[in-house]
Protein backbone atom coordinates (compact mmCIF):
# COMPACT_ATOMS: atom_id res chain seq x y z
CA MET A 1 139.84 -12.40 110.88
CA LEU A 2 140.45 -8.95 112.27
CA SER A 3 143.79 -7.52 111.21
CA ARG A 4 145.95 -5.30 113.42
CA GLN A 5 147.41 -3.60 110.38
CA ASP A 6 144.01 -2.96 108.78
CA PHE A 7 142.66 -1.65 112.08
CA TRP A 8 145.65 0.70 112.45
CA LEU A 9 145.29 1.97 108.87
CA PHE A 10 141.55 2.49 109.36
CA SER A 11 142.27 4.35 112.61
CA CYS A 12 144.79 6.68 110.98
CA GLU A 13 142.38 7.47 108.15
CA PHE A 14 139.40 7.98 110.46
CA TYR A 15 141.40 10.13 112.90
CA SER A 16 142.63 12.35 110.05
CA ARG A 17 139.12 13.28 108.86
CA PRO A 18 138.21 16.96 109.27
CA GLU A 19 137.43 17.78 112.93
CA MET A 20 137.71 14.11 113.98
CA GLN A 21 140.97 14.48 115.93
CA ALA A 22 139.56 17.38 117.96
CA ARG A 23 136.25 15.58 118.53
CA LEU A 24 137.88 12.33 119.63
CA LEU A 25 140.29 14.20 121.92
CA ALA A 26 137.32 16.03 123.44
CA LEU A 27 135.66 12.69 124.17
CA GLN A 28 138.89 11.50 125.77
CA ASP A 29 139.60 14.65 127.77
CA ASN A 30 136.06 15.68 128.73
CA GLY A 31 134.19 12.39 128.66
CA SER A 32 136.89 9.93 129.76
CA LYS A 33 136.30 7.89 126.62
CA ASN A 34 139.02 5.82 125.02
CA ILE A 35 139.85 6.84 121.46
CA ASN A 36 141.09 3.39 120.48
CA LEU A 37 137.84 1.83 121.64
CA CYS A 38 135.85 4.40 119.66
CA LEU A 39 137.99 3.60 116.62
CA LEU A 40 137.55 -0.15 117.11
CA LEU A 41 133.78 0.17 117.29
CA CYS A 42 133.79 2.30 114.13
CA TYR A 43 136.08 -0.26 112.46
CA LEU A 44 133.59 -3.01 113.30
CA ASP A 45 130.82 -0.85 111.79
CA LYS A 46 132.87 -0.56 108.60
CA LEU A 47 133.25 -4.35 108.53
CA ALA A 48 129.48 -4.68 109.13
CA LEU A 49 130.10 -6.61 112.35
CA THR A 50 128.61 -6.06 115.77
CA VAL A 51 129.92 -7.00 119.16
CA GLU A 52 127.86 -8.15 122.13
CA PRO A 53 127.21 -5.40 124.70
CA GLU A 54 128.82 -7.64 127.34
CA ALA A 55 132.05 -7.70 125.32
CA VAL A 56 132.05 -3.90 125.26
CA SER A 57 132.33 -3.98 129.06
CA THR A 58 135.43 -6.17 128.78
CA LEU A 59 136.87 -3.85 126.13
CA ILE A 60 136.24 -0.84 128.37
CA GLU A 61 138.01 -2.51 131.28
CA THR A 62 140.95 -3.49 129.06
CA CYS A 63 141.30 0.13 127.96
CA LYS A 64 140.97 1.48 131.47
CA LEU A 65 143.76 -0.71 132.82
CA PHE A 66 146.13 -0.03 129.92
CA ASP A 67 145.40 3.71 130.11
CA GLU A 68 146.05 3.89 133.85
CA ILE A 69 149.20 1.79 133.86
CA ILE A 70 150.81 2.66 130.52
CA LEU A 71 149.33 5.51 128.46
CA GLN A 72 148.45 8.11 131.08
CA PRO A 73 151.94 8.10 132.65
CA GLN A 74 153.45 8.42 129.14
CA ARG A 75 151.17 11.37 128.39
CA ARG A 76 151.99 13.05 131.72
CA ILE A 77 155.71 12.79 130.98
CA ARG A 78 155.22 14.27 127.51
CA SER A 79 153.10 17.09 128.95
CA LEU A 80 155.66 17.82 131.65
CA LEU A 81 158.41 17.85 129.06
CA LYS A 82 156.45 20.36 126.97
CA ALA A 83 155.61 22.58 129.95
CA GLN A 84 158.96 22.61 131.73
CA HIS A 85 161.67 21.56 129.31
CA HIS A 86 160.76 23.16 125.99
CA HIS A 87 163.95 25.24 126.18
CA TYR A 88 166.11 22.09 126.11
CA GLU A 89 168.43 22.17 123.10
CA ASP A 90 167.23 18.82 121.76
CA TYR A 91 163.60 19.35 122.78
CA GLN A 92 162.17 18.75 119.30
CA GLN A 93 163.97 15.42 118.90
CA LEU A 94 162.98 14.34 122.39
CA ARG A 95 159.35 15.34 121.80
CA ALA A 96 159.31 13.44 118.50
CA ALA A 97 160.71 10.35 120.24
CA MET A 98 158.05 10.62 122.95
CA LEU A 99 155.29 10.90 120.34
CA THR A 100 156.68 7.89 118.46
CA ALA A 101 156.73 5.88 121.68
CA GLU A 102 153.16 6.92 122.46
CA LEU A 103 151.99 5.83 119.00
CA GLU A 104 153.61 2.44 119.54
CA LEU A 105 151.75 2.16 122.84
CA GLU A 106 148.51 3.07 121.06
CA LYS A 107 149.20 0.24 118.59
CA ARG A 108 149.76 -2.11 121.53
CA GLN A 109 146.44 -1.11 123.05
CA GLN A 110 144.74 -1.77 119.73
CA ALA A 111 146.32 -5.22 119.61
CA LEU A 112 145.00 -5.93 123.11
CA LEU A 113 141.50 -4.91 122.04
CA LEU A 114 141.64 -7.26 119.07
CA GLU A 115 142.81 -10.04 121.39
CA VAL A 116 139.74 -9.46 123.56
CA LEU A 117 137.54 -9.70 120.47
CA GLN A 118 139.03 -13.10 119.62
CA HIS A 119 137.18 -14.39 122.70
CA SER A 120 133.91 -12.66 121.81
CA HIS A 121 131.19 -13.43 119.35
CA LEU A 122 130.85 -11.05 116.42
CA TYR A 123 127.61 -10.94 114.49
CA PRO A 124 126.50 -9.27 111.27
CA LEU A 125 125.64 -5.64 111.93
CA GLN A 126 121.89 -5.23 111.48
CA GLN A 127 121.52 -1.49 111.94
CA GLY A 128 122.94 1.37 113.94
CA SER A 129 126.45 1.54 115.25
CA ASN A 130 128.56 -0.31 117.77
CA LEU A 131 129.46 3.09 119.24
CA ARG A 132 125.93 3.30 120.63
CA HIS A 133 127.06 0.68 123.20
CA TYR A 134 129.78 3.05 124.41
CA LEU A 135 128.84 6.69 123.78
CA SER A 136 125.84 8.62 125.02
CA ASP A 137 123.49 10.00 122.39
CA ASN A 138 124.99 13.48 122.87
CA GLU A 139 128.56 12.18 122.52
CA TYR A 140 127.64 10.21 119.42
CA THR A 141 125.91 13.21 117.84
CA ALA A 142 128.85 15.49 118.64
CA LEU A 143 131.33 13.03 117.12
CA PHE A 144 129.47 12.81 113.81
CA ALA A 145 128.08 16.34 113.56
CA PRO A 146 128.53 17.89 110.10
CA VAL A 147 131.84 19.67 109.62
CA ASN A 148 131.53 23.43 109.28
CA ASP A 149 133.73 24.73 106.51
C-alpha cells in the first residue's frame, strides 16, 4: 500500500538533496515537467516497483489538469505578490501564507497521483528507473549528474 505520508516525506528528503531543488525546478520551468510526478516515479524506484507506461500517461494528464486549474494560478498570484507588493507592511507573513497554501496544494496533487496508481498495476522493478518513462535521456542525466562541490 502506497502511503501519502511516506511519499511526502520521501519527496521532502529527495527535494532537499544538494542541487536537486534547482534541477527539478529547471525541469519544471524549462521542460514543462511536473516535479510531483518526477518524485512519485523516484519513490516507486525506491520501493522497487514499476508502473506500466500506459499509467504514466494517465499520471501526466492528472498533473497537467491540476497544474492548469490549481497550481499555476496559485504560483502566478505568489509571483505577482513578490513583484508588485513586496513593499506591503505584512508582505513576509502574506508570502509565508501563500507558500504554505502552495505546499498543501502540492500534497493534494500527490494524493491524486496515488489515487491514480490505485487503479494501475504495479510490478517489481527489474532494472532502470520509472523516470525513463517520463524524462528524456538528457533530462534524466541532468537530474542525476554528480554534484560539484
